N, C-alpha and C. Protein backbone atom coordinates (compact mmCIF):
# COMPACT_ATOMS: atom_id res chain seq x y z
N MET A 1 82.98 108.03 110.12
CA MET A 1 82.35 107.82 108.84
C MET A 1 83.30 108.28 107.75
N GLY A 2 83.35 107.54 106.68
CA GLY A 2 84.23 107.89 105.58
C GLY A 2 83.49 107.88 104.27
N GLN A 3 84.18 108.31 103.26
CA GLN A 3 83.59 108.36 101.93
C GLN A 3 84.58 107.76 100.95
N LEU A 4 84.09 106.99 100.01
CA LEU A 4 84.92 106.37 99.00
C LEU A 4 84.44 106.84 97.64
N THR A 5 85.34 107.39 96.87
CA THR A 5 85.01 107.84 95.53
C THR A 5 85.72 106.95 94.53
N ILE A 6 84.99 106.32 93.65
CA ILE A 6 85.57 105.49 92.60
C ILE A 6 85.46 106.27 91.30
N LYS A 7 86.60 106.59 90.73
CA LYS A 7 86.61 107.38 89.50
C LYS A 7 86.53 106.49 88.27
N GLU A 8 86.70 107.09 87.14
CA GLU A 8 86.61 106.37 85.88
C GLU A 8 87.74 105.36 85.69
N HIS A 9 88.73 105.38 86.57
CA HIS A 9 89.86 104.45 86.46
C HIS A 9 89.58 103.10 87.11
N PHE A 10 88.42 102.92 87.70
CA PHE A 10 88.13 101.67 88.40
C PHE A 10 88.12 100.50 87.41
N ALA A 11 88.85 99.44 87.75
CA ALA A 11 88.87 98.26 86.89
C ALA A 11 89.33 97.06 87.71
N PHE A 12 88.94 95.90 87.27
CA PHE A 12 89.44 94.67 87.87
C PHE A 12 90.58 94.16 87.00
N VAL A 13 91.67 93.83 87.63
CA VAL A 13 92.81 93.22 86.94
C VAL A 13 93.02 91.88 87.61
N TYR A 14 92.98 90.82 86.84
CA TYR A 14 93.07 89.50 87.45
C TYR A 14 93.88 88.54 86.59
N ASP A 15 94.37 87.50 87.22
CA ASP A 15 95.04 86.40 86.55
C ASP A 15 94.19 85.15 86.74
N ALA A 16 94.18 84.29 85.76
CA ALA A 16 93.45 83.03 85.86
C ALA A 16 94.46 81.89 85.79
N TYR A 17 94.28 80.92 86.66
CA TYR A 17 95.16 79.76 86.70
C TYR A 17 94.32 78.50 86.57
N SER A 18 94.88 77.51 85.91
CA SER A 18 94.20 76.21 85.82
C SER A 18 94.79 75.27 86.87
N LYS A 19 94.14 74.16 87.08
CA LYS A 19 94.63 73.16 88.02
C LYS A 19 96.01 72.66 87.61
N ASP A 20 96.27 72.66 86.32
CA ASP A 20 97.55 72.18 85.81
C ASP A 20 98.72 73.07 86.21
N ASP A 21 98.43 74.32 86.56
CA ASP A 21 99.47 75.26 86.98
C ASP A 21 99.98 74.97 88.38
N GLY A 22 99.27 74.15 89.13
CA GLY A 22 99.66 73.85 90.50
C GLY A 22 99.20 74.94 91.45
N ALA A 23 99.74 74.90 92.65
CA ALA A 23 99.34 75.85 93.69
C ALA A 23 99.85 77.26 93.38
N ILE A 24 99.09 78.25 93.79
CA ILE A 24 99.53 79.64 93.65
C ILE A 24 100.54 79.92 94.75
N LYS A 25 101.67 80.49 94.36
CA LYS A 25 102.77 80.73 95.28
C LYS A 25 103.02 82.23 95.40
N SER A 26 103.89 82.57 96.33
CA SER A 26 104.23 83.98 96.56
C SER A 26 104.73 84.66 95.30
N GLU A 27 105.48 83.92 94.48
CA GLU A 27 106.00 84.51 93.23
C GLU A 27 104.86 84.96 92.32
N HIS A 28 103.76 84.19 92.30
CA HIS A 28 102.61 84.57 91.49
C HIS A 28 101.98 85.86 92.03
N ILE A 29 101.88 85.97 93.34
CA ILE A 29 101.27 87.15 93.95
C ILE A 29 102.12 88.38 93.67
N ILE A 30 103.43 88.26 93.79
CA ILE A 30 104.31 89.40 93.54
C ILE A 30 104.25 89.80 92.07
N LYS A 31 104.23 88.84 91.17
CA LYS A 31 104.11 89.15 89.74
C LYS A 31 102.81 89.89 89.46
N TYR A 32 101.73 89.45 90.10
CA TYR A 32 100.43 90.12 89.95
C TYR A 32 100.48 91.54 90.49
N MET A 33 101.11 91.73 91.66
CA MET A 33 101.21 93.07 92.23
C MET A 33 102.04 93.98 91.34
N GLU A 34 103.07 93.45 90.70
CA GLU A 34 103.86 94.24 89.75
C GLU A 34 103.00 94.65 88.56
N ARG A 35 102.15 93.72 88.07
CA ARG A 35 101.24 94.07 86.99
C ARG A 35 100.28 95.18 87.39
N LEU A 36 99.79 95.11 88.63
CA LEU A 36 98.89 96.16 89.10
C LEU A 36 99.59 97.51 89.15
N LEU A 37 100.82 97.52 89.62
CA LEU A 37 101.58 98.78 89.66
C LEU A 37 101.75 99.35 88.26
N ASN A 38 102.16 98.52 87.31
CA ASN A 38 102.36 98.99 85.94
C ASN A 38 101.05 99.45 85.32
N TYR A 39 99.98 98.73 85.59
CA TYR A 39 98.66 99.11 85.07
C TYR A 39 98.24 100.47 85.62
N GLY A 40 98.41 100.64 86.92
CA GLY A 40 98.04 101.91 87.54
C GLY A 40 98.84 103.07 87.00
N LYS A 41 100.15 102.88 86.89
CA LYS A 41 101.01 103.95 86.37
C LYS A 41 100.65 104.31 84.94
N SER A 42 100.35 103.30 84.12
CA SER A 42 100.02 103.56 82.72
C SER A 42 98.70 104.30 82.55
N ARG A 43 97.82 104.20 83.54
CA ARG A 43 96.52 104.87 83.45
C ARG A 43 96.44 106.13 84.28
N GLY A 44 97.56 106.53 84.92
CA GLY A 44 97.56 107.74 85.71
C GLY A 44 96.88 107.59 87.06
N ILE A 45 96.78 106.37 87.55
CA ILE A 45 96.16 106.12 88.85
C ILE A 45 97.17 106.43 89.92
N ASN A 46 96.78 107.23 90.91
CA ASN A 46 97.75 107.67 91.91
C ASN A 46 97.82 106.79 93.15
N LYS A 47 96.99 105.76 93.26
CA LYS A 47 97.08 104.84 94.40
C LYS A 47 96.36 103.55 94.05
N THR A 48 97.04 102.42 94.28
CA THR A 48 96.44 101.11 94.09
C THR A 48 96.28 100.48 95.45
N VAL A 49 95.09 100.03 95.76
CA VAL A 49 94.79 99.42 97.06
C VAL A 49 94.51 97.94 96.84
N ILE A 50 95.16 97.11 97.65
CA ILE A 50 94.99 95.66 97.58
C ILE A 50 94.56 95.17 98.96
N ILE A 51 93.51 94.35 99.01
CA ILE A 51 93.04 93.78 100.27
C ILE A 51 93.00 92.26 100.10
N PRO A 52 94.12 91.59 100.39
CA PRO A 52 94.16 90.14 100.23
C PRO A 52 93.55 89.41 101.43
N ASP A 53 93.20 88.15 101.22
CA ASP A 53 92.78 87.34 102.36
C ASP A 53 94.04 86.81 103.05
N ASN A 54 93.89 85.96 104.02
CA ASN A 54 95.02 85.52 104.83
C ASN A 54 95.61 84.18 104.42
N THR A 55 95.53 83.83 103.15
CA THR A 55 96.16 82.58 102.72
C THR A 55 97.68 82.76 102.74
N LYS A 56 98.39 81.66 102.87
CA LYS A 56 99.85 81.72 103.02
C LYS A 56 100.56 82.47 101.89
N PRO A 57 100.20 82.26 100.61
CA PRO A 57 100.91 83.02 99.57
C PRO A 57 100.71 84.53 99.70
N HIS A 58 99.55 84.96 100.17
CA HIS A 58 99.26 86.39 100.30
C HIS A 58 100.00 87.03 101.47
N THR A 59 100.29 86.24 102.50
CA THR A 59 100.87 86.80 103.72
C THR A 59 102.32 86.36 103.93
N SER A 60 102.95 85.83 102.91
CA SER A 60 104.33 85.36 103.04
C SER A 60 105.27 86.54 103.28
N ALA A 61 106.43 86.23 103.79
CA ALA A 61 107.44 87.27 104.05
C ALA A 61 107.82 87.98 102.75
N GLU A 62 107.92 87.23 101.65
CA GLU A 62 108.29 87.83 100.36
C GLU A 62 107.26 88.86 99.91
N VAL A 63 105.98 88.52 100.04
CA VAL A 63 104.91 89.44 99.63
C VAL A 63 104.90 90.67 100.53
N LYS A 64 105.07 90.47 101.82
CA LYS A 64 105.09 91.61 102.74
C LYS A 64 106.30 92.52 102.47
N GLU A 65 107.44 91.92 102.13
CA GLU A 65 108.62 92.72 101.79
C GLU A 65 108.38 93.52 100.52
N PHE A 66 107.76 92.89 99.52
CA PHE A 66 107.45 93.59 98.28
C PHE A 66 106.51 94.76 98.54
N ALA A 67 105.47 94.51 99.32
CA ALA A 67 104.50 95.56 99.64
C ALA A 67 105.16 96.70 100.38
N ALA A 68 106.03 96.39 101.34
CA ALA A 68 106.73 97.43 102.10
C ALA A 68 107.68 98.23 101.20
N ALA A 69 108.35 97.54 100.29
CA ALA A 69 109.30 98.21 99.40
C ALA A 69 108.59 99.14 98.41
N HIS A 70 107.34 98.88 98.12
CA HIS A 70 106.59 99.69 97.14
C HIS A 70 105.49 100.52 97.79
N GLU A 71 105.55 100.68 99.10
CA GLU A 71 104.51 101.42 99.81
C GLU A 71 104.37 102.85 99.31
N ASN A 72 105.48 103.49 98.97
CA ASN A 72 105.42 104.87 98.47
C ASN A 72 105.34 104.91 96.95
N ASP A 73 105.30 103.76 96.33
CA ASP A 73 105.29 103.67 94.87
C ASP A 73 103.91 103.29 94.37
N LEU A 74 102.91 104.04 94.81
CA LEU A 74 101.53 103.90 94.33
C LEU A 74 100.80 102.65 94.80
N ILE A 75 101.29 101.97 95.83
CA ILE A 75 100.61 100.75 96.25
C ILE A 75 100.40 100.76 97.76
N HIS A 76 99.27 100.26 98.19
CA HIS A 76 99.01 100.10 99.61
C HIS A 76 98.28 98.78 99.81
N VAL A 77 98.82 97.94 100.67
CA VAL A 77 98.23 96.64 100.93
C VAL A 77 97.67 96.64 102.34
N PHE A 78 96.38 96.34 102.47
CA PHE A 78 95.75 96.21 103.77
C PHE A 78 95.67 94.73 104.12
N PHE A 79 96.59 94.25 104.93
CA PHE A 79 96.52 92.86 105.37
C PHE A 79 95.45 92.74 106.43
N GLN A 80 94.58 91.76 106.31
CA GLN A 80 93.49 91.57 107.25
C GLN A 80 94.01 90.97 108.55
N LEU A 81 93.29 91.23 109.62
CA LEU A 81 93.64 90.64 110.90
C LEU A 81 93.25 89.17 110.90
N VAL A 82 94.04 88.36 111.55
CA VAL A 82 93.75 86.93 111.64
C VAL A 82 92.69 86.70 112.71
N PHE A 83 91.71 85.87 112.39
CA PHE A 83 90.63 85.51 113.31
C PHE A 83 89.89 86.73 113.86
N GLU A 84 89.58 87.67 113.02
CA GLU A 84 88.83 88.85 113.44
C GLU A 84 87.35 88.52 113.35
N PHE A 85 86.76 88.18 114.48
CA PHE A 85 85.38 87.70 114.52
C PHE A 85 84.41 88.67 113.89
N ILE A 86 84.53 89.95 114.16
CA ILE A 86 83.56 90.94 113.68
C ILE A 86 83.54 91.01 112.16
N LEU A 87 84.67 90.68 111.50
CA LEU A 87 84.71 90.70 110.05
C LEU A 87 84.03 89.49 109.42
N ASN A 88 83.76 88.48 110.23
CA ASN A 88 83.16 87.24 109.72
C ASN A 88 81.65 87.20 109.89
N ILE A 89 81.05 88.28 110.29
CA ILE A 89 79.60 88.31 110.52
C ILE A 89 78.88 88.51 109.21
């Protein structure tokens, strides 16, 4: 059993794209993750947690490399397991 405490720093940070922008690519995800890091640092947040789904842009080698390179820099990415039946209930 665990406990999750959400402090006053809780916020949603998001990007909006139109159909005219085309498909979302790994570069968009990395740019977004950089924004999250900067946002967290500017607000004194000591850890940013990201839980992406398993779409190709989220799980690309570039995104995984970025996440690994910034693992000690206030970011932690929980990549979901592929075809995890229990999570789909």
